[in-house]
Amino acid sequence: MKSLFLLVGMVLILEGIPYVALPESMRDWLRKLSEMKAEHLRMVGLFSMSIGLLICWFVQRSGYF
């Protein structure tokens, strides 16, 4: 359970960095995202989830980490 909370905390830190470092650029980027079609957003989400799954699988199966 401790690892889960650490993971959530790290995700929130990483998600917050662009808003602190480049708030105006993030506002523009979010505006562009809101104008994208739902199908494109789904494809980007599916791609991101797939990459995340591959990274998790690789880390679990490899002896590198």
N, C-alpha and C. Protein backbone atom coordinates (compact mmCIF):
# COMPACT_ATOMS: atom_id res chain seq x y z
N MET A 1 0.83 -1.19 0.00
CA MET A 1 0.00 0.00 0.00
C MET A 1 0.88 1.26 0.00
N LYS A 2 2.01 1.18 0.70
CA LYS A 2 2.93 2.30 0.73
C LYS A 2 3.42 2.65 -0.67
N SER A 3 3.73 1.62 -1.46
CA SER A 3 4.21 1.85 -2.83
C SER A 3 3.15 2.52 -3.68
N LEU A 4 1.89 2.14 -3.48
CA LEU A 4 0.80 2.75 -4.24
C LEU A 4 0.70 4.25 -3.94
N PHE A 5 0.78 4.61 -2.67
CA PHE A 5 0.72 6.03 -2.32
C PHE A 5 1.93 6.79 -2.84
N LEU A 6 3.10 6.17 -2.78
CA LEU A 6 4.29 6.81 -3.34
C LEU A 6 4.14 7.02 -4.84
N LEU A 7 3.59 6.04 -5.53
CA LEU A 7 3.37 6.14 -6.97
C LEU A 7 2.40 7.27 -7.30
N VAL A 8 1.31 7.35 -6.57
CA VAL A 8 0.33 8.41 -6.80
C VAL A 8 0.97 9.78 -6.56
N GLY A 9 1.75 9.89 -5.49
CA GLY A 9 2.43 11.14 -5.20
C GLY A 9 3.40 11.53 -6.30
N MET A 10 4.14 10.58 -6.82
CA MET A 10 5.09 10.88 -7.89
C MET A 10 4.37 11.28 -9.17
N VAL A 11 3.26 10.64 -9.47
CA VAL A 11 2.48 11.01 -10.65
C VAL A 11 1.99 12.44 -10.52
N LEU A 12 1.49 12.80 -9.35
CA LEU A 12 1.01 14.17 -9.15
C LEU A 12 2.15 15.18 -9.27
N ILE A 13 3.33 14.84 -8.76
CA ILE A 13 4.48 15.73 -8.91
C ILE A 13 4.81 15.92 -10.38
N LEU A 14 4.91 14.81 -11.13
CA LEU A 14 5.25 14.90 -12.55
C LEU A 14 4.19 15.62 -13.36
N GLU A 15 2.92 15.42 -12.98
CA GLU A 15 1.84 16.11 -13.69
C GLU A 15 1.85 17.61 -13.40
N GLY A 16 2.32 18.01 -12.23
CA GLY A 16 2.30 19.42 -11.86
C GLY A 16 3.46 20.23 -12.39
N ILE A 17 4.55 19.60 -12.72
CA ILE A 17 5.75 20.32 -13.17
C ILE A 17 5.48 21.24 -14.37
N PRO A 18 4.81 20.77 -15.43
CA PRO A 18 4.59 21.69 -16.57
C PRO A 18 3.75 22.91 -16.21
N TYR A 19 2.79 22.76 -15.28
CA TYR A 19 1.95 23.90 -14.90
C TYR A 19 2.73 24.94 -14.12
N VAL A 20 3.72 24.49 -13.34
CA VAL A 20 4.55 25.42 -12.58
C VAL A 20 5.59 26.07 -13.49
N ALA A 21 6.22 25.28 -14.35
CA ALA A 21 7.31 25.78 -15.18
C ALA A 21 6.83 26.62 -16.36
N LEU A 22 5.75 26.20 -17.01
CA LEU A 22 5.29 26.86 -18.24
C LEU A 22 3.77 27.03 -18.25
N PRO A 23 3.21 27.85 -17.37
CA PRO A 23 1.75 27.94 -17.28
C PRO A 23 1.07 28.45 -18.55
N GLU A 24 1.67 29.41 -19.24
CA GLU A 24 1.04 29.94 -20.45
C GLU A 24 1.06 28.90 -21.58
N SER A 25 2.15 28.20 -21.71
CA SER A 25 2.24 27.15 -22.74
C SER A 25 1.24 26.03 -22.45
N MET A 26 1.08 25.69 -21.17
CA MET A 26 0.12 24.64 -20.81
C MET A 26 -1.30 25.09 -21.14
N ARG A 27 -1.61 26.37 -20.92
CA ARG A 27 -2.94 26.88 -21.23
C ARG A 27 -3.21 26.75 -22.73
N ASP A 28 -2.22 27.10 -23.55
CA ASP A 28 -2.38 26.98 -25.00
C ASP A 28 -2.53 25.51 -25.41
N TRP A 29 -1.72 24.65 -24.80
CA TRP A 29 -1.77 23.23 -25.12
C TRP A 29 -3.11 22.63 -24.74
N LEU A 30 -3.64 23.01 -23.57
CA LEU A 30 -4.94 22.51 -23.14
C LEU A 30 -6.06 23.03 -24.03
N ARG A 31 -5.92 24.25 -24.53
CA ARG A 31 -6.91 24.79 -25.46
C ARG A 31 -6.93 23.96 -26.75
N LYS A 32 -5.74 23.61 -27.23
CA LYS A 32 -5.65 22.78 -28.44
C LYS A 32 -6.24 21.40 -28.19
N LEU A 33 -5.98 20.84 -27.00
CA LEU A 33 -6.55 19.53 -26.67
C LEU A 33 -8.08 19.57 -26.63
N SER A 34 -8.63 20.66 -26.11
CA SER A 34 -10.09 20.75 -26.02
C SER A 34 -10.74 20.86 -27.40
N GLU A 35 -9.97 21.27 -28.40
CA GLU A 35 -10.51 21.39 -29.75
C GLU A 35 -10.35 20.11 -30.58
N MET A 36 -9.62 19.14 -30.05
CA MET A 36 -9.42 17.88 -30.78
C MET A 36 -10.69 17.04 -30.76
N LYS A 37 -10.86 16.24 -31.78
CA LYS A 37 -11.99 15.32 -31.84
C LYS A 37 -11.82 14.23 -30.80
N ALA A 38 -12.94 13.71 -30.31
CA ALA A 38 -12.93 12.68 -29.28
C ALA A 38 -12.19 11.43 -29.76
N GLU A 39 -12.32 11.09 -31.04
CA GLU A 39 -11.67 9.91 -31.58
C GLU A 39 -10.15 10.02 -31.48
N HIS A 40 -9.64 11.22 -31.77
CA HIS A 40 -8.19 11.43 -31.69
C HIS A 40 -7.71 11.33 -30.25
N LEU A 41 -8.49 11.90 -29.33
CA LEU A 41 -8.11 11.83 -27.92
C LEU A 41 -8.10 10.38 -27.43
N ARG A 42 -9.07 9.59 -27.90
CA ARG A 42 -9.11 8.17 -27.52
C ARG A 42 -7.88 7.44 -28.04
N MET A 43 -7.48 7.74 -29.26
CA MET A 43 -6.30 7.09 -29.83
C MET A 43 -5.04 7.49 -29.06
N VAL A 44 -4.91 8.74 -28.71
CA VAL A 44 -3.76 9.19 -27.92
C VAL A 44 -3.76 8.50 -26.56
N GLY A 45 -4.92 8.42 -25.93
CA GLY A 45 -5.04 7.73 -24.64
C GLY A 45 -4.70 6.26 -24.74
N LEU A 46 -5.18 5.61 -25.79
CA LEU A 46 -4.88 4.18 -25.98
C LEU A 46 -3.39 3.97 -26.22
N PHE A 47 -2.78 4.84 -26.99
CA PHE A 47 -1.35 4.76 -27.25
C PHE A 47 -0.56 4.96 -25.95
N SER A 48 -0.94 5.95 -25.17
CA SER A 48 -0.26 6.22 -23.90
C SER A 48 -0.39 5.04 -22.95
N MET A 49 -1.59 4.48 -22.85
CA MET A 49 -1.80 3.32 -21.99
C MET A 49 -0.97 2.13 -22.45
N SER A 50 -0.88 1.93 -23.75
CA SER A 50 -0.10 0.82 -24.29
C SER A 50 1.37 0.97 -23.98
N ILE A 51 1.90 2.18 -24.16
CA ILE A 51 3.30 2.43 -23.83
C ILE A 51 3.55 2.22 -22.34
N GLY A 52 2.65 2.70 -21.50
CA GLY A 52 2.78 2.50 -20.05
C GLY A 52 2.76 1.03 -19.68
N LEU A 53 1.88 0.26 -20.32
CA LEU A 53 1.80 -1.18 -20.06
C LEU A 53 3.09 -1.87 -20.49
N LEU A 54 3.63 -1.49 -21.64
CA LEU A 54 4.89 -2.09 -22.10
C LEU A 54 6.04 -1.75 -21.15
N ILE A 55 6.08 -0.52 -20.68
CA ILE A 55 7.13 -0.13 -19.73
C ILE A 55 7.01 -0.95 -18.45
N CYS A 56 5.81 -1.05 -17.90
CA CYS A 56 5.60 -1.84 -16.68
C CYS A 56 5.97 -3.30 -16.89
N TRP A 57 5.56 -3.86 -18.01
CA TRP A 57 5.88 -5.25 -18.31
C TRP A 57 7.39 -5.45 -18.42
N PHE A 58 8.07 -4.54 -19.11
CA PHE A 58 9.51 -4.65 -19.29
C PHE A 58 10.24 -4.56 -17.95
N VAL A 59 9.83 -3.63 -17.11
CA VAL A 59 10.47 -3.46 -15.82
C VAL A 59 10.25 -4.69 -14.94
N GLN A 60 9.06 -5.25 -14.98
CA GLN A 60 8.77 -6.45 -14.18
C GLN A 60 9.52 -7.67 -14.65
N ARG A 61 9.68 -7.83 -15.95
CA ARG A 61 10.28 -9.03 -16.53
C ARG A 61 11.80 -8.97 -16.66
N SER A 62 12.34 -7.78 -16.74
CA SER A 62 13.78 -7.67 -16.97
C SER A 62 14.52 -7.66 -15.64
N GLY A 63 15.78 -7.91 -15.70
CA GLY A 63 16.60 -7.86 -14.52
C GLY A 63 17.38 -6.57 -14.41
N TYR A 64 17.04 -5.59 -15.25
CA TYR A 64 17.79 -4.34 -15.28
C TYR A 64 17.45 -3.42 -14.12
N PHE A 65 16.24 -3.54 -13.58
CA PHE A 65 15.80 -2.59 -12.54
C PHE A 65 15.59 -3.29 -11.23
